[in-house]
C-alpha atoms as a PDB file:
ATOM      1  CA  MET A   1       0.004   0.031  -0.007  1.00  0.00           C
ATOM      2  CA  VAL A   2       1.371   3.483  -0.940  1.00  0.00           C
ATOM      3  CA  THR A   3       2.008   5.835   1.855  1.00  0.00           C
ATOM      4  CA  ILE A   4       1.488   9.506   1.444  1.00  0.00           C
ATOM      5  CA  LEU A   5       2.228  12.282   3.955  1.00  0.00           C
ATOM      6  CA  ILE A   6       0.748  15.766   3.466  1.00  0.00           C
ATOM      7  CA  THR A   7       1.900  18.964   5.072  1.00  0.00           C
ATOM      8  CA  ASN A   8       2.114  22.738   4.399  1.00  0.00           C
ATOM      9  CA  ASP A   9       3.400  25.931   5.932  1.00  0.00           C
ATOM     10  CA  ASP A  10       0.176  27.733   5.906  1.00  0.00           C
ATOM     11  CA  GLY A  11      -1.132  25.831   9.003  1.00  0.00           C
ATOM     12  CA  LEU A  12      -3.616  23.005   9.671  1.00  0.00           C
ATOM     13  CA  TYR A  13      -6.665  25.044   8.743  1.00  0.00           C
ATOM     14  CA  SER A  14      -5.614  26.112   5.337  1.00  0.00           C
ATOM     15  CA  THR A  15      -7.929  25.302   2.424  1.00  0.00           C
ATOM     16  CA  GLY A  16      -5.035  24.330   0.376  1.00  0.00           C
ATOM     17  CA  LEU A  17      -4.184  21.450   2.669  1.00  0.00           C
ATOM     18  CA  LYS A  18      -7.610  20.155   2.313  1.00  0.00           C
ATOM     19  CA  ALA A  19      -7.379  20.357  -1.436  1.00  0.00           C
ATOM     20  CA  SER A  20      -4.241  18.180  -1.296  1.00  0.00           C
ATOM     21  CA  TYR A  21      -6.078  15.690   0.809  1.00  0.00           C
ATOM     22  CA  GLU A  22      -8.898  15.602  -1.704  1.00  0.00           C
ATOM     23  CA  ALA A  23      -6.506  15.081  -4.501  1.00  0.00           C
ATOM     24  CA  LEU A  24      -4.714  12.290  -2.896  1.00  0.00           C
ATOM     25  CA  LYS A  25      -6.919  10.441  -0.310  1.00  0.00           C
ATOM     26  CA  ASP A  26      -7.831   7.456  -2.472  1.00  0.00           C
ATOM     27  CA  LEU A  27      -4.166   6.740  -3.677  1.00  0.00           C
ATOM     28  CA  GLY A  28      -3.139   4.997  -0.595  1.00  0.00           C
ATOM     29  CA  ASP A  29      -2.691   5.514   3.264  1.00  0.00           C
ATOM     30  CA  VAL A  30      -2.814   9.375   3.573  1.00  0.00           C
ATOM     31  CA  TYR A  31      -1.427  11.077   6.688  1.00  0.00           C
ATOM     32  CA  VAL A  32      -1.954  14.780   7.281  1.00  0.00           C
ATOM     33  CA  VAL A  33       0.625  16.333   9.598  1.00  0.00           C
ATOM     34  CA  ALA A  34       1.113  20.223   9.709  1.00  0.00           C
ATOM     35  CA  PRO A  35       2.009  23.151  11.834  1.00  0.00           C
ATOM     36  CA  ALA A  36      -0.737  24.166  14.217  1.00  0.00           C
ATOM     37  CA  MET A  37      -0.290  27.704  13.080  1.00  0.00           C
ATOM     38  CA  GLN A  38       0.804  29.788  10.035  1.00  0.00           C
ATOM     39  CA  LYS A  39       4.497  29.143   9.499  1.00  0.00           C
ATOM     40  CA  SER A  40       5.123  30.867   6.084  1.00  0.00           C
ATOM     41  CA  GLY A  41       8.724  32.009   5.281  1.00  0.00           C
ATOM     42  CA  VAL A  42      10.518  29.861   7.831  1.00  0.00           C
ATOM     43  CA  GLY A  43      12.415  27.961   5.154  1.00  0.00           C
ATOM     44  CA  ARG A  44      13.784  24.687   6.387  1.00  0.00           C
ATOM     45  CA  SER A  45      14.209  25.727  10.019  1.00  0.00           C
ATOM     46  CA  ILE A  46      13.955  23.072  12.729  1.00  0.00           C
ATOM     47  CA  SER A  47      13.137  23.314  16.369  1.00  0.00           C
ATOM     48  CA  ILE A  48      16.071  22.127  18.345  1.00  0.00           C
ATOM     49  CA  MET A  49      16.099  24.491  21.241  1.00  0.00           C
ATOM     50  CA  GLU A  50      12.537  23.810  22.418  1.00  0.00           C
ATOM     51  CA  PRO A  51      10.109  20.911  22.862  1.00  0.00           C
ATOM     52  CA  ILE A  52       7.480  20.090  20.136  1.00  0.00           C
ATOM     53  CA  ARG A  53       4.063  18.736  20.947  1.00  0.00           C
ATOM     54  CA  ILE A  54       1.574  16.783  18.690  1.00  0.00           C
ATOM     55  CA  SER A  55      -2.187  16.830  18.857  1.00  0.00           C
ATOM     56  CA  GLU A  56      -4.611  14.582  16.930  1.00  0.00           C
ATOM     57  CA  VAL A  57      -7.468  16.649  15.522  1.00  0.00           C
ATOM     58  CA  ASN A  58     -10.402  16.522  13.200  1.00  0.00           C
ATOM     59  CA  VAL A  59     -10.076  19.437  10.615  1.00  0.00           C
ATOM     60  CA  ASN A  60     -12.475  19.969   7.725  1.00  0.00           C
ATOM     61  CA  GLY A  61     -13.350  16.207   7.618  1.00  0.00           C
ATOM     62  CA  MET A  62      -9.784  15.177   7.870  1.00  0.00           C
ATOM     63  CA  LYS A  63      -8.031  13.158  10.685  1.00  0.00           C
ATOM     64  CA  ALA A  64      -4.904  15.252  11.164  1.00  0.00           C
ATOM     65  CA  TYR A  65      -1.973  15.861  13.444  1.00  0.00           C
ATOM     66  CA  ALA A  66      -1.272  19.359  14.751  1.00  0.00           C
ATOM     67  CA  VAL A  67       2.471  20.042  15.279  1.00  0.00           C
ATOM     68  CA  ASP A  68       3.365  23.218  17.372  1.00  0.00           C
ATOM     69  CA  GLY A  69       6.485  23.680  15.316  1.00  0.00           C
ATOM     70  CA  THR A  70       7.809  24.431  11.731  1.00  0.00           C
ATOM     71  CA  PRO A  71       6.880  22.486   8.592  1.00  0.00           C
ATOM     72  CA  THR A  72      10.213  20.726   8.803  1.00  0.00           C
ATOM     73  CA  ASP A  73       9.337  19.673  12.302  1.00  0.00           C
ATOM     74  CA  ALA A  74       6.045  18.376  11.009  1.00  0.00           C
ATOM     75  CA  VAL A  75       7.795  16.216   8.268  1.00  0.00           C
ATOM     76  CA  ILE A  76      10.259  14.724  10.689  1.00  0.00           C
ATOM     77  CA  LEU A  77       7.671  13.913  13.445  1.00  0.00           C
ATOM     78  CA  GLY A  78       5.210  12.849  10.730  1.00  0.00           C
ATOM     79  CA  ILE A  79       7.635  10.326   9.328  1.00  0.00           C
ATOM     80  CA  HIS A  80       9.270   8.953  12.585  1.00  0.00           C
ATOM     81  CA  LYS A  81       6.413   9.255  15.119  1.00  0.00           C
ATOM     82  CA  ILE A  82       3.237   9.094  13.241  1.00  0.00           C
ATOM     83  CA  VAL A  83       3.656   7.214   9.966  1.00  0.00           C
ATOM     84  CA  GLY A  84       6.386   5.080  11.387  1.00  0.00           C
ATOM     85  CA  HIS A  85       8.383   4.598   8.169  1.00  0.00           C
ATOM     86  CA  ILE A  86       9.578   6.644   5.161  1.00  0.00           C
ATOM     87  CA  PRO A  87       6.491   7.478   3.074  1.00  0.00           C
ATOM     88  CA  ASP A  88       6.464   6.871  -0.624  1.00  0.00           C
ATOM     89  CA  ILE A  89       5.548  10.423  -1.272  1.00  0.00           C
ATOM     90  CA  VAL A  90       5.490  13.639   0.869  1.00  0.00           C
ATOM     91  CA  VAL A  91       3.420  16.541  -0.467  1.00  0.00           C
ATOM     92  CA  SER A  92       3.793  20.064   0.856  1.00  0.00           C
ATOM     93  CA  GLY A  93       0.953  22.244  -0.139  1.00  0.00           C
ATOM     94  CA  ILE A  94      -1.152  23.358  -1.882  1.00  0.00           C
ATOM     95  CA  ASN A  95       0.378  26.547  -0.693  1.00  0.00           C
ATOM     96  CA  LEU A  96      -1.490  29.787  -1.087  1.00  0.00           C
ATOM     97  CA  GLY A  97       0.963  32.040  -3.015  1.00  0.00           C
ATOM     98  CA  GLU A  98       3.462  31.021  -5.567  1.00  0.00           C
ATOM     99  CA  ASN A  99       6.961  29.775  -4.526  1.00  0.00           C
ATOM    100  CA  ILE A 100       9.118  30.592  -7.436  1.00  0.00           C
ATOM    101  CA  SER A 101      12.814  31.741  -7.980  1.00  0.00           C
ATOM    102  CA  THR A 102      15.855  30.968  -5.871  1.00  0.00           C
ATOM    103  CA  GLU A 103      14.621  33.287  -3.219  1.00  0.00           C
ATOM    104  CA  SER A 104      11.618  30.952  -2.453  1.00  0.00           C
ATOM    105  CA  VAL A 105      13.603  27.772  -2.495  1.00  0.00           C
ATOM    106  CA  THR A 106      15.636  28.982   0.505  1.00  0.00           C
ATOM    107  CA  THR A 107      12.846  30.885   2.413  1.00  0.00           C
ATOM    108  CA  SER A 108       9.510  28.986   1.742  1.00  0.00           C
ATOM    109  CA  GLY A 109       8.374  26.720   4.428  1.00  0.00           C
ATOM    110  CA  THR A 110       6.504  24.777   1.772  1.00  0.00           C
ATOM    111  CA  VAL A 111       9.758  24.075  -0.257  1.00  0.00           C
ATOM    112  CA  GLY A 112      11.671  23.603   3.007  1.00  0.00           C
ATOM    113  CA  ALA A 113       9.254  20.917   4.149  1.00  0.00           C
ATOM    114  CA  ALA A 114       9.611  19.106   0.811  1.00  0.00           C
ATOM    115  CA  LEU A 115      13.471  19.239   0.985  1.00  0.00           C
ATOM    116  CA  GLU A 116      13.387  17.727   4.374  1.00  0.00           C
ATOM    117  CA  ALA A 117      11.106  14.945   3.181  1.00  0.00           C
ATOM    118  CA  ALA A 118      13.612  14.287   0.402  1.00  0.00           C
ATOM    119  CA  THR A 119      16.554  14.203   2.819  1.00  0.00           C
ATOM    120  CA  GLN A 120      14.639  11.698   4.822  1.00  0.00           C
ATOM    121  CA  GLY A 121      14.215   9.407   1.664  1.00  0.00           C
ATOM    122  CA  SER A 122      10.822  10.214   0.418  1.00  0.00           C
ATOM    123  CA  ALA A 123       9.844  11.432  -3.216  1.00  0.00           C
ATOM    124  CA  ALA A 124       8.721  14.939  -2.470  1.00  0.00           C
ATOM    125  CA  ILE A 125       6.507  17.540  -4.133  1.00  0.00           C
ATOM    126  CA  ALA A 126       6.148  21.215  -3.132  1.00  0.00           C
ATOM    127  CA  ILE A 127       3.041  22.749  -4.771  1.00  0.00           C
ATOM    128  CA  SER A 128       1.741  26.210  -4.725  1.00  0.00           C
ATOM    129  CA  LEU A 129      -1.118  28.293  -6.164  1.00  0.00           C
ATOM    130  CA  GLU A 130      -0.534  31.786  -7.409  1.00  0.00           C
ATOM    131  CA  VAL A 131      -2.710  34.253  -5.506  1.00  0.00           C
ATOM    132  CA  PRO A 132      -2.339  37.630  -7.126  1.00  0.00           C
ATOM    133  CA  ASP A 133      -3.506  40.925  -5.785  1.00  0.00           C
ATOM    134  CA  VAL A 134      -4.484  39.661  -2.395  1.00  0.00           C
ATOM    135  CA  ASP A 135      -2.933  39.209   0.991  1.00  0.00           C
ATOM    136  CA  LYS A 136      -2.420  35.322   1.418  1.00  0.00           C
ATOM    137  CA  PHE A 137      -2.435  35.702   5.077  1.00  0.00           C
ATOM    138  CA  GLU A 138      -5.976  37.033   5.054  1.00  0.00           C
ATOM    139  CA  PHE A 139      -7.199  34.327   2.690  1.00  0.00           C
ATOM    140  CA  VAL A 140      -5.719  31.143   4.071  1.00  0.00           C
ATOM    141  CA  PHE A 141      -9.049  30.031   5.560  1.00  0.00           C
ATOM    142  CA  LYS A 142     -11.216  31.070   2.492  1.00  0.00           C
ATOM    143  CA  PRO A 143     -12.035  28.911  -0.576  1.00  0.00           C
ATOM    144  CA  PHE A 144     -10.159  29.122  -3.759  1.00  0.00           C
ATOM    145  CA  ASP A 145     -10.569  27.293  -6.976  1.00  0.00           C
ATOM    146  CA  PHE A 146      -8.199  24.280  -6.559  1.00  0.00           C
ATOM    147  CA  SER A 147      -9.652  22.169  -9.302  1.00  0.00           C
ATOM    148  CA  PHE A 148      -6.927  22.582 -11.722  1.00  0.00           C
ATOM    149  CA  ALA A 149      -4.117  22.314  -9.065  1.00  0.00           C
ATOM    150  CA  ILE A 150      -5.858  19.214  -7.782  1.00  0.00           C
ATOM    151  CA  LYS A 151      -5.595  17.651 -11.263  1.00  0.00           C
ATOM    152  CA  ILE A 152      -1.939  18.489 -11.724  1.00  0.00           C
ATOM    153  CA  LEU A 153      -1.056  17.142  -8.164  1.00  0.00           C
ATOM    154  CA  ARG A 154      -2.978  13.880  -8.610  1.00  0.00           C
ATOM    155  CA  LYS A 155      -1.376  13.278 -12.056  1.00  0.00           C
ATOM    156  CA  LEU A 156       2.188  13.982 -10.870  1.00  0.00           C
ATOM    157  CA  ALA A 157       1.586  11.733  -7.701  1.00  0.00           C
ATOM    158  CA  GLU A 158       0.283   8.872  -9.806  1.00  0.00           C
ATOM    159  CA  THR A 159       3.319   9.236 -12.094  1.00  0.00           C
ATOM    160  CA  ILE A 160       5.581   9.054  -9.245  1.00  0.00           C
ATOM    161  CA  ILE A 161       3.772   6.000  -7.807  1.00  0.00           C
ATOM    162  CA  GLU A 162       4.067   4.235 -11.130  1.00  0.00           C
ATOM    163  CA  LYS A 163       7.630   5.329 -12.278  1.00  0.00           C
ATOM    164  CA  GLY A 164       9.472   6.569  -9.234  1.00  0.00           C
ATOM    165  CA  MET A 165      11.341   9.790  -9.114  1.00  0.00           C
ATOM    166  CA  PRO A 166      13.520  10.572 -12.158  1.00  0.00           C
ATOM    167  CA  GLU A 167      17.295  10.103 -11.685  1.00  0.00           C
ATOM    168  CA  GLY A 168      18.923  13.204 -10.123  1.00  0.00           C
ATOM    169  CA  VAL A 169      15.573  14.815  -9.038  1.00  0.00           C
ATOM    170  CA  ASP A 170      14.895  15.068  -5.378  1.00  0.00           C
ATOM    171  CA  VAL A 171      11.869  17.541  -5.271  1.00  0.00           C
ATOM    172  CA  PHE A 172       9.424  18.786  -7.811  1.00  0.00           C
ATOM    173  CA  ASN A 173       8.541  22.376  -7.058  1.00  0.00           C
ATOM    174  CA  VAL A 174       5.188  22.936  -8.771  1.00  0.00           C
ATOM    175  CA  ASN A 175       3.612  26.280  -9.249  1.00  0.00           C
ATOM    176  CA  ILE A 176      -0.027  26.752 -10.594  1.00  0.00           C
ATOM    177  CA  PRO A 177      -0.916  30.080 -12.216  1.00  0.00           C
ATOM    178  CA  SER A 178      -4.105  31.807 -11.144  1.00  0.00           C
ATOM    179  CA  LYS A 179      -5.388  31.785 -14.809  1.00  0.00           C
ATOM    180  CA  PRO A 180      -3.877  28.589 -16.254  1.00  0.00           C
ATOM    181  CA  ASN A 181      -4.023  28.073 -19.984  1.00  0.00           C
ATOM    182  CA  GLY A 182      -3.601  24.298 -19.489  1.00  0.00           C
ATOM    183  CA  GLU A 183       0.027  24.041 -20.532  1.00  0.00           C
ATOM    184  CA  VAL A 184       2.665  22.596 -18.348  1.00  0.00           C
ATOM    185  CA  GLU A 185       6.405  23.552 -18.715  1.00  0.00           C
ATOM    186  CA  ILE A 186       9.541  22.090 -17.098  1.00  0.00           C
ATOM    187  CA  THR A 187      11.394  25.068 -15.798  1.00  0.00           C
ATOM    188  CA  ARG A 188      14.555  26.308 -14.002  1.00  0.00           C
ATOM    189  CA  LEU A 189      14.549  28.757 -11.124  1.00  0.00           C
ATOM    190  CA  ALA A 190      14.473  32.456 -11.905  1.00  0.00           C
ATOM    191  CA  ARG A 191      17.255  34.337 -10.015  1.00  0.00           C
ATOM    192  CA  ARG A 192      15.011  36.644  -8.116  1.00  0.00           C
ATOM    193  CA  LEU A 193      11.273  37.504  -7.820  1.00  0.00           C
ATOM    194  CA  TYR A 194      11.419  40.639  -5.535  1.00  0.00           C
ATOM    195  CA  ARG A 195      13.409  43.822  -5.109  1.00  0.00           C
ATOM    196  CA  THR A 196      13.723  44.301  -1.434  1.00  0.00           C
ATOM    197  CA  ARG A 197      11.929  47.225   0.177  1.00  0.00           C
ATOM    198  CA  ILE A 198      11.874  48.247   3.770  1.00  0.00           C
ATOM    199  CA  GLU A 199       9.078  50.269   5.181  1.00  0.00           C
ATOM    200  CA  GLU A 200       9.759  52.246   8.364  1.00  0.00           C
ATOM    201  CA  ARG A 201       7.113  53.241  10.737  1.00  0.00           C
ATOM    202  CA  LEU A 202       6.708  54.605  14.252  1.00  0.00           C
ATOM    203  CA  ASP A 203       4.937  52.909  17.094  1.00  0.00           C
ATOM    204  CA  PRO A 204       2.673  54.768  19.408  1.00  0.00           C
ATOM    205  CA  ARG A 205       5.545  55.632  21.581  1.00  0.00           C
ATOM    206  CA  GLY A 206       7.630  57.086  18.764  1.00  0.00           C
ATOM    207  CA  ARG A 207       9.979  54.230  18.358  1.00  0.00           C
ATOM    208  CA  LYS A 208      10.869  52.910  14.931  1.00  0.00           C
ATOM    209  CA  TYR A 209      10.080  49.612  13.522  1.00  0.00           C
ATOM    210  CA  TYR A 210      10.325  47.958  10.144  1.00  0.00           C
ATOM    211  CA  TRP A 211       8.294  45.858   7.677  1.00  0.00           C
ATOM    212  CA  ILE A 212      10.449  43.844   5.149  1.00  0.00           C
ATOM    213  CA  ASP A 213       8.649  43.833   1.868  1.00  0.00           C
ATOM    214  CA  GLY A 214       9.492  43.758  -1.781  1.00  0.00           C
ATOM    215  CA  THR A 215       8.334  44.852  -5.279  1.00  0.00           C
ATOM    216  CA  GLU A 216       8.054  42.170  -8.052  1.00  0.00           C
ATOM    217  CA  ILE A 217      10.683  42.227 -10.780  1.00  0.00           C
ATOM    218  CA  GLU A 218       9.116  42.673 -14.168  1.00  0.00           C
ATOM    219  CA  ASP A 219      11.706  40.833 -16.289  1.00  0.00           C
ATOM    220  CA  ALA A 220      11.122  37.127 -16.489  1.00  0.00           C
ATOM    221  CA  GLU A 221      13.594  35.205 -18.491  1.00  0.00           C
ATOM    222  CA  GLU A 222      12.292  32.527 -20.872  1.00  0.00           C
ATOM    223  CA  GLY A 223      12.512  29.030 -19.499  1.00  0.00           C
ATOM    224  CA  THR A 224      12.193  30.145 -15.885  1.00  0.00           C
ATOM    225  CA  ASP A 225       9.328  29.279 -13.396  1.00  0.00           C
ATOM    226  CA  LEU A 226       8.554  33.060 -13.241  1.00  0.00           C
ATOM    227  CA  HIS A 227       8.250  33.283 -17.020  1.00  0.00           C
ATOM    228  CA  ALA A 228       5.991  30.244 -17.180  1.00  0.00           C
ATOM    229  CA  ILE A 229       3.577  31.547 -14.443  1.00  0.00           C
ATOM    230  CA  ARG A 230       3.310  34.910 -15.990  1.00  0.00           C
ATOM    231  CA  ASN A 231       2.182  33.174 -19.299  1.00  0.00           C
ATOM    232  CA  GLY A 232      -0.391  31.066 -17.690  1.00  0.00           C
ATOM    233  CA  LYS A 233       1.698  27.851 -17.576  1.00  0.00           C
ATOM    234  CA  VAL A 234       2.107  25.349 -14.811  1.00  0.00           C
ATOM    235  CA  SER A 235       5.693  25.482 -13.774  1.00  0.00           C
ATOM    236  CA  ILE A 236       7.433  22.360 -12.642  1.00  0.00           C
ATOM    237  CA  THR A 237      10.954  22.663 -11.469  1.00  0.00           C
ATOM    238  CA  PRO A 238      13.086  19.784 -10.691  1.00  0.00           C
ATOM    239  CA  LEU A 239      15.270  20.456  -7.595  1.00  0.00           C
ATOM    240  CA  THR A 240      18.228  18.548  -6.015  1.00  0.00           C
ATOM    241  CA  LEU A 241      19.502  18.468  -2.480  1.00  0.00           C
ATOM    242  CA  ASP A 242      23.015  18.904  -3.668  1.00  0.00           C
ATOM    243  CA  SER A 243      23.647  22.721  -3.848  1.00  0.00           C
ATOM    244  CA  THR A 244      27.272  22.180  -4.883  1.00  0.00           C
ATOM    245  CA  ALA A 245      28.184  24.744  -7.626  1.00  0.00           C
ATOM    246  CA  ARG A 246      28.749  23.048 -10.948  1.00  0.00           C
ATOM    247  CA  VAL A 247      32.191  24.378 -11.657  1.00  0.00           C
ATOM    248  CA  ASP A 248      35.573  23.141 -12.583  1.00  0.00           C
ATOM    249  CA  PHE A 249      37.163  22.440  -9.260  1.00  0.00           C
ATOM    250  CA  ASN A 250      40.738  22.729 -10.891  1.00  0.00           C
ATOM    251  CA  ASN A 251      39.893  26.304 -11.972  1.00  0.00           C
ATOM    252  CA  LEU A 252      38.614  27.007  -8.484  1.00  0.00           C
ATOM    253  CA  ARG A 253      41.893  25.711  -6.904  1.00  0.00           C
ATOM    254  CA  ARG A 254      43.846  27.956  -9.244  1.00  0.00           C
ATOM    255  CA  TRP A 255      41.628  30.929  -8.362  1.00  0.00           C
ATOM    256  CA  LEU A 256      41.986  30.156  -4.568  1.00  0.00           C
ATOM    257  CA  LEU A 257      45.745  29.308  -4.530  1.00  0.00           C
END
């Protein structure tokens, strides 16, 4: 029997988590293990300085496990304390808000959870839905049209079950455009998505505080995840855990020495 673990970084009550469950629930034994609260932007952080608790709950018709930690914590505890063995597939998502470019790979809790799953030995999918012109943190609990994302996720999961992961691929980072044209493109990561912006404000006592924000970069190089999404295509980017730069080590030695 195929074993599937579902998690996310939007929290246990996210409508995207429920959508993933609906896509996969009849493909095998499905476990839902997710952070009890919103944990976006925490990357692959892990709780090593404080205890973590797990609570069994029923959410939106799903038996689930709430973890009072990060998405990576949820994957580790889900695998080793709840499932009890390495799942065949771990799905992180469906996240509300796209996770594209090299920035997201290192900051996204959605992608971070998938990377941890791959490290543990599972086939891993991170899947996100573009949510333009709205604040994702206000809409985590509200319904979106996940129908197309569900089709893509199910098809990809079925293919992995049938064929396994392709050689050299540890994680598929999937991004669904808000207005899909039905096309799917295999992409590489764009270099950047945002230009950093910092907003300075004053609290009621006159002390400064800051919001880190960003404006989207307009240029999207062809072949990148950003270009695909902006042209209505599903972006599927194969990721590897090995971040070693593909350079000639002899040239690097000469440069260094």
